[in-house]
Amino acid sequence: MAGRRAALVIAGTAGLWVLSTMIGAQIGLSNRVLALFDMLALAGFVWAIWMIYNIWRMRQDSQGQ
């Protein structure tokens, strides 16, 4: 279940990032606003990596017992 959640976070973040970049370029958003979307996407990807790390740790703990 946690793996699916991490996959959904990655896919959702990537999709929203691509959409925000495309739409932002179309409507002429400033580079500052586009950079904000980039930082939000980066935060989403870092969160997904943290989730994957926790999944890995749980698996390591369960194999050791």
PDB file of N, CA and C in Angstrom:
ATOM      1  N   MET A   1       0.815  -1.193   0.000  1.00  0.00           N
ATOM      2  CA  MET A   1       0.000   0.000   0.000  1.00  0.00           C
ATOM      3  C   MET A   1       0.860   1.259   0.000  1.00  0.00           C
ATOM      4  N   ALA A   2       1.930   1.244   0.787  1.00  0.00           N
ATOM      5  CA  ALA A   2       2.802   2.412   0.851  1.00  0.00           C
ATOM      6  C   ALA A   2       3.534   2.613  -0.465  1.00  0.00           C
ATOM      7  N   GLY A   3       3.876   1.518  -1.137  1.00  0.00           N
ATOM      8  CA  GLY A   3       4.538   1.618  -2.434  1.00  0.00           C
ATOM      9  C   GLY A   3       3.635   2.257  -3.478  1.00  0.00           C
ATOM     10  N   ARG A   4       2.373   1.899  -3.455  1.00  0.00           N
ATOM     11  CA  ARG A   4       1.420   2.519  -4.380  1.00  0.00           C
ATOM     12  C   ARG A   4       1.273   4.012  -4.112  1.00  0.00           C
ATOM     13  N   ARG A   5       1.244   4.354  -2.842  1.00  0.00           N
ATOM     14  CA  ARG A   5       1.118   5.770  -2.468  1.00  0.00           C
ATOM     15  C   ARG A   5       2.327   6.559  -2.966  1.00  0.00           C
ATOM     16  N   ALA A   6       3.516   5.989  -2.815  1.00  0.00           N
ATOM     17  CA  ALA A   6       4.730   6.659  -3.294  1.00  0.00           C
ATOM     18  C   ALA A   6       4.689   6.802  -4.816  1.00  0.00           C
ATOM     19  N   ALA A   7       4.227   5.767  -5.499  1.00  0.00           N
ATOM     20  CA  ALA A   7       4.130   5.832  -6.958  1.00  0.00           C
ATOM     21  C   ALA A   7       3.126   6.897  -7.395  1.00  0.00           C
ATOM     22  N   LEU A   8       2.019   7.004  -6.677  1.00  0.00           N
ATOM     23  CA  LEU A   8       1.029   8.024  -7.004  1.00  0.00           C
ATOM     24  C   LEU A   8       1.560   9.429  -6.753  1.00  0.00           C
ATOM     25  N   VAL A   9       2.345   9.589  -5.693  1.00  0.00           N
ATOM     26  CA  VAL A   9       2.939  10.898  -5.424  1.00  0.00           C
ATOM     27  C   VAL A   9       3.895  11.272  -6.547  1.00  0.00           C
ATOM     28  N   ILE A  10       4.711  10.323  -6.998  1.00  0.00           N
ATOM     29  CA  ILE A  10       5.654  10.597  -8.079  1.00  0.00           C
ATOM     30  C   ILE A  10       4.915  10.930  -9.370  1.00  0.00           C
ATOM     31  N   ALA A  11       3.934  10.115  -9.725  1.00  0.00           N
ATOM     32  CA  ALA A  11       3.197  10.345 -10.968  1.00  0.00           C
ATOM     33  C   ALA A  11       2.403  11.648 -10.911  1.00  0.00           C
ATOM     34  N   GLY A  12       1.758  11.907  -9.790  1.00  0.00           N
ATOM     35  CA  GLY A  12       0.987  13.137  -9.654  1.00  0.00           C
ATOM     36  C   GLY A  12       1.861  14.372  -9.687  1.00  0.00           C
ATOM     37  N   THR A  13       2.994  14.304  -8.998  1.00  0.00           N
ATOM     38  CA  THR A  13       3.912  15.439  -8.999  1.00  0.00           C
ATOM     39  C   THR A  13       4.437  15.709 -10.403  1.00  0.00           C
ATOM     40  N   ALA A  14       4.836  14.657 -11.096  1.00  0.00           N
ATOM     41  CA  ALA A  14       5.360  14.829 -12.453  1.00  0.00           C
ATOM     42  C   ALA A  14       4.287  15.398 -13.380  1.00  0.00           C
ATOM     43  N   GLY A  15       3.082  14.874 -13.284  1.00  0.00           N
ATOM     44  CA  GLY A  15       2.000  15.359 -14.137  1.00  0.00           C
ATOM     45  C   GLY A  15       1.665  16.820 -13.878  1.00  0.00           C
ATOM     46  N   LEU A  16       1.546  17.167 -12.610  1.00  0.00           N
ATOM     47  CA  LEU A  16       1.237  18.564 -12.287  1.00  0.00           C
ATOM     48  C   LEU A  16       2.375  19.502 -12.657  1.00  0.00           C
ATOM     49  N   TRP A  17       3.591  19.022 -12.536  1.00  0.00           N
ATOM     50  CA  TRP A  17       4.758  19.842 -12.902  1.00  0.00           C
ATOM     51  C   TRP A  17       4.783  20.120 -14.401  1.00  0.00           C
ATOM     52  N   VAL A  18       4.543  19.088 -15.196  1.00  0.00           N
ATOM     53  CA  VAL A  18       4.520  19.270 -16.647  1.00  0.00           C
ATOM     54  C   VAL A  18       3.380  20.201 -17.043  1.00  0.00           C
ATOM     55  N   LEU A  19       2.208  19.983 -16.467  1.00  0.00           N
ATOM     56  CA  LEU A  19       1.069  20.840 -16.784  1.00  0.00           C
ATOM     57  C   LEU A  19       1.308  22.288 -16.384  1.00  0.00           C
ATOM     58  N   SER A  20       1.856  22.499 -15.201  1.00  0.00           N
ATOM     59  CA  SER A  20       2.091  23.873 -14.758  1.00  0.00           C
ATOM     60  C   SER A  20       3.130  24.561 -15.624  1.00  0.00           C
ATOM     61  N   THR A  21       4.124  23.828 -16.081  1.00  0.00           N
ATOM     62  CA  THR A  21       5.136  24.407 -16.959  1.00  0.00           C
ATOM     63  C   THR A  21       4.535  24.766 -18.313  1.00  0.00           C
ATOM     64  N   MET A  22       3.747  23.865 -18.865  1.00  0.00           N
ATOM     65  CA  MET A  22       3.141  24.124 -20.172  1.00  0.00           C
ATOM     66  C   MET A  22       2.134  25.269 -20.104  1.00  0.00           C
ATOM     67  N   ILE A  23       1.255  25.213 -19.128  1.00  0.00           N
ATOM     68  CA  ILE A  23       0.232  26.255 -19.004  1.00  0.00           C
ATOM     69  C   ILE A  23       0.875  27.590 -18.640  1.00  0.00           C
ATOM     70  N   GLY A  24       1.873  27.559 -17.769  1.00  0.00           N
ATOM     71  CA  GLY A  24       2.559  28.790 -17.393  1.00  0.00           C
ATOM     72  C   GLY A  24       3.235  29.465 -18.568  1.00  0.00           C
ATOM     73  N   ALA A  25       3.834  28.666 -19.444  1.00  0.00           N
ATOM     74  CA  ALA A  25       4.470  29.231 -20.635  1.00  0.00           C
ATOM     75  C   ALA A  25       3.416  29.785 -21.600  1.00  0.00           C
ATOM     76  N   GLN A  26       2.284  29.115 -21.684  1.00  0.00           N
ATOM     77  CA  GLN A  26       1.214  29.559 -22.590  1.00  0.00           C
ATOM     78  C   GLN A  26       0.628  30.902 -22.168  1.00  0.00           C
ATOM     79  N   ILE A  27       0.410  31.068 -20.866  1.00  0.00           N
ATOM     80  CA  ILE A  27      -0.231  32.306 -20.414  1.00  0.00           C
ATOM     81  C   ILE A  27       0.778  33.375 -20.025  1.00  0.00           C
ATOM     82  N   GLY A  28       2.059  33.042 -20.129  1.00  0.00           N
ATOM     83  CA  GLY A  28       3.093  34.044 -19.917  1.00  0.00           C
ATOM     84  C   GLY A  28       3.399  34.357 -18.464  1.00  0.00           C
ATOM     85  N   LEU A  29       3.408  33.347 -17.620  1.00  0.00           N
ATOM     86  CA  LEU A  29       3.780  33.574 -16.231  1.00  0.00           C
ATOM     87  C   LEU A  29       5.257  33.951 -16.141  1.00  0.00           C
ATOM     88  N   SER A  30       5.598  34.691 -15.120  1.00  0.00           N
ATOM     89  CA  SER A  30       6.992  35.111 -14.958  1.00  0.00           C
ATOM     90  C   SER A  30       7.865  33.923 -14.564  1.00  0.00           C
ATOM     91  N   ASN A  31       9.150  34.087 -14.757  1.00  0.00           N
ATOM     92  CA  ASN A  31      10.095  33.034 -14.387  1.00  0.00           C
ATOM     93  C   ASN A  31      10.065  32.773 -12.887  1.00  0.00           C
ATOM     94  N   ARG A  32       9.743  33.788 -12.126  1.00  0.00           N
ATOM     95  CA  ARG A  32       9.674  33.639 -10.671  1.00  0.00           C
ATOM     96  C   ARG A  32       8.544  32.676 -10.280  1.00  0.00           C
ATOM     97  N   VAL A  33       7.408  32.807 -10.920  1.00  0.00           N
ATOM     98  CA  VAL A  33       6.273  31.921 -10.623  1.00  0.00           C
ATOM     99  C   VAL A  33       6.571  30.507 -11.123  1.00  0.00           C
ATOM    100  N   LEU A  34       7.191  30.404 -12.297  1.00  0.00           N
ATOM    101  CA  LEU A  34       7.561  29.080 -12.807  1.00  0.00           C
ATOM    102  C   LEU A  34       8.576  28.407 -11.889  1.00  0.00           C
ATOM    103  N   ALA A  35       9.488  29.198 -11.327  1.00  0.00           N
ATOM    104  CA  ALA A  35      10.457  28.637 -10.385  1.00  0.00           C
ATOM    105  C   ALA A  35       9.759  28.151  -9.114  1.00  0.00           C
ATOM    106  N   LEU A  36       8.697  28.829  -8.707  1.00  0.00           N
ATOM    107  CA  LEU A  36       7.920  28.379  -7.554  1.00  0.00           C
ATOM    108  C   LEU A  36       7.323  27.003  -7.826  1.00  0.00           C
ATOM    109  N   PHE A  37       6.768  26.815  -9.028  1.00  0.00           N
ATOM    110  CA  PHE A  37       6.232  25.494  -9.385  1.00  0.00           C
ATOM    111  C   PHE A  37       7.336  24.446  -9.412  1.00  0.00           C
ATOM    112  N   ASP A  38       8.524  24.831  -9.881  1.00  0.00           N
ATOM    113  CA  ASP A  38       9.653  23.900  -9.879  1.00  0.00           C
ATOM    114  C   ASP A  38      10.024  23.499  -8.457  1.00  0.00           C
ATOM    115  N   MET A  39      10.038  24.447  -7.545  1.00  0.00           N
ATOM    116  CA  MET A  39      10.374  24.146  -6.151  1.00  0.00           C
ATOM    117  C   MET A  39       9.309  23.259  -5.503  1.00  0.00           C
ATOM    118  N   LEU A  40       8.043  23.499  -5.830  1.00  0.00           N
ATOM    119  CA  LEU A  40       6.978  22.646  -5.304  1.00  0.00           C
ATOM    120  C   LEU A  40       7.113  21.219  -5.830  1.00  0.00           C
ATOM    121  N   ALA A  41       7.467  21.088  -7.110  1.00  0.00           N
ATOM    122  CA  ALA A  41       7.681  19.757  -7.680  1.00  0.00           C
ATOM    123  C   ALA A  41       8.876  19.076  -7.015  1.00  0.00           C
ATOM    124  N   LEU A  42       9.922  19.828  -6.793  1.00  0.00           N
ATOM    125  CA  LEU A  42      11.090  19.269  -6.112  1.00  0.00           C
ATOM    126  C   LEU A  42      10.714  18.767  -4.720  1.00  0.00           C
ATOM    127  N   ALA A  43       9.902  19.536  -4.013  1.00  0.00           N
ATOM    128  CA  ALA A  43       9.448  19.114  -2.686  1.00  0.00           C
ATOM    129  C   ALA A  43       8.635  17.820  -2.777  1.00  0.00           C
ATOM    130  N   GLY A  44       7.785  17.698  -3.794  1.00  0.00           N
ATOM    131  CA  GLY A  44       7.014  16.476  -3.975  1.00  0.00           C
ATOM    132  C   GLY A  44       7.898  15.272  -4.250  1.00  0.00           C
ATOM    133  N   PHE A  45       8.931  15.462  -5.068  1.00  0.00           N
ATOM    134  CA  PHE A  45       9.839  14.355  -5.360  1.00  0.00           C
ATOM    135  C   PHE A  45      10.675  13.975  -4.141  1.00  0.00           C
ATOM    136  N   VAL A  46      11.101  14.957  -3.363  1.00  0.00           N
ATOM    137  CA  VAL A  46      11.858  14.659  -2.144  1.00  0.00           C
ATOM    138  C   VAL A  46      10.977  13.901  -1.159  1.00  0.00           C
ATOM    139  N   TRP A  47       9.724  14.300  -1.050  1.00  0.00           N
ATOM    140  CA  TRP A  47       8.800  13.590  -0.172  1.00  0.00           C
ATOM    141  C   TRP A  47       8.629  12.130  -0.620  1.00  0.00           C
ATOM    142  N   ALA A  48       8.529  11.919  -1.940  1.00  0.00           N
ATOM    143  CA  ALA A  48       8.385  10.557  -2.459  1.00  0.00           C
ATOM    144  C   ALA A  48       9.638   9.734  -2.156  1.00  0.00           C
ATOM    145  N   ILE A  49      10.809  10.339  -2.277  1.00  0.00           N
ATOM    146  CA  ILE A  49      12.046   9.625  -1.948  1.00  0.00           C
ATOM    147  C   ILE A  49      12.066   9.266  -0.470  1.00  0.00           C
ATOM    148  N   TRP A  50      11.599  10.160   0.385  1.00  0.00           N
ATOM    149  CA  TRP A  50      11.510   9.874   1.816  1.00  0.00           C
ATOM    150  C   TRP A  50      10.557   8.706   2.079  1.00  0.00           C
ATOM    151  N   MET A  51       9.441   8.677   1.365  1.00  0.00           N
ATOM    152  CA  MET A  51       8.494   7.574   1.522  1.00  0.00           C
ATOM    153  C   MET A  51       9.142   6.253   1.101  1.00  0.00           C
ATOM    154  N   ILE A  52       9.871   6.267  -0.013  1.00  0.00           N
ATOM    155  CA  ILE A  52      10.527   5.050  -0.496  1.00  0.00           C
ATOM    156  C   ILE A  52      11.601   4.597   0.490  1.00  0.00           C
ATOM    157  N   TYR A  53      12.337   5.542   1.053  1.00  0.00           N
ATOM    158  CA  TYR A  53      13.343   5.207   2.062  1.00  0.00           C
ATOM    159  C   TYR A  53      12.696   4.535   3.272  1.00  0.00           C
ATOM    160  N   ASN A  54      11.568   5.053   3.714  1.00  0.00           N
ATOM    161  CA  ASN A  54      10.874   4.449   4.859  1.00  0.00           C
ATOM    162  C   ASN A  54      10.372   3.043   4.527  1.00  0.00           C
ATOM    163  N   ILE A  55       9.918   2.838   3.299  1.00  0.00           N
ATOM    164  CA  ILE A  55       9.498   1.492   2.882  1.00  0.00           C
ATOM    165  C   ILE A  55      10.683   0.543   2.932  1.00  0.00           C
ATOM    166  N   TRP A  56      11.817   1.001   2.437  1.00  0.00           N
ATOM    167  CA  TRP A  56      13.024   0.180   2.451  1.00  0.00           C
ATOM    168  C   TRP A  56      13.436  -0.173   3.878  1.00  0.00           C
ATOM    169  N   ARG A  57      13.366   0.828   4.779  1.00  0.00           N
ATOM    170  CA  ARG A  57      13.745   0.592   6.172  1.00  0.00           C
ATOM    171  C   ARG A  57      12.811  -0.425   6.833  1.00  0.00           C
ATOM    172  N   MET A  58      11.511  -0.299   6.573  1.00  0.00           N
ATOM    173  CA  MET A  58      10.562  -1.261   7.142  1.00  0.00           C
ATOM    174  C   MET A  58      10.853  -2.673   6.637  1.00  0.00           C
ATOM    175  N   ARG A  59      11.201  -2.796   5.373  1.00  0.00           N
ATOM    176  CA  ARG A  59      11.510  -4.104   4.805  1.00  0.00           C
ATOM    177  C   ARG A  59      12.784  -4.674   5.428  1.00  0.00           C
ATOM    178  N   GLN A  60      13.786  -3.814   5.636  1.00  0.00           N
ATOM    179  CA  GLN A  60      15.023  -4.279   6.273  1.00  0.00           C
ATOM    180  C   GLN A  60      14.761  -4.736   7.704  1.00  0.00           C
ATOM    181  N   ASP A  61      13.921  -4.012   8.419  1.00  0.00           N
ATOM    182  CA  ASP A  61      13.602  -4.393   9.801  1.00  0.00           C
ATOM    183  C   ASP A  61      12.835  -5.709   9.852  1.00  0.00           C
ATOM    184  N   SER A  62      11.926  -5.922   8.915  1.00  0.00           N
ATOM    185  CA  SER A  62      11.124  -7.150   8.947  1.00  0.00           C
ATOM    186  C   SER A  62      11.943  -8.361   8.513  1.00  0.00           C
ATOM    187  N   GLN A  63      12.962  -8.188   7.696  1.00  0.00           N
ATOM    188  CA  GLN A  63      13.798  -9.307   7.280  1.00  0.00           C
ATOM    189  C   GLN A  63      14.766  -9.720   8.376  1.00  0.00           C
ATOM    190  N   GLY A  64      15.126  -8.790   9.237  1.00  0.00           N
ATOM    191  CA  GLY A  64      16.071  -9.087  10.307  1.00  0.00           C
ATOM    192  C   GLY A  64      15.473  -9.889  11.442  1.00  0.00           C
ATOM    193  N   GLN A  65      14.170  -9.997  11.508  1.00  0.00           N
ATOM    194  CA  GLN A  65      13.533 -10.705  12.630  1.00  0.00           C
ATOM    195  C   GLN A  65      13.229 -12.124  12.299  1.00  0.00           C
TER     196      GLN A  65
END
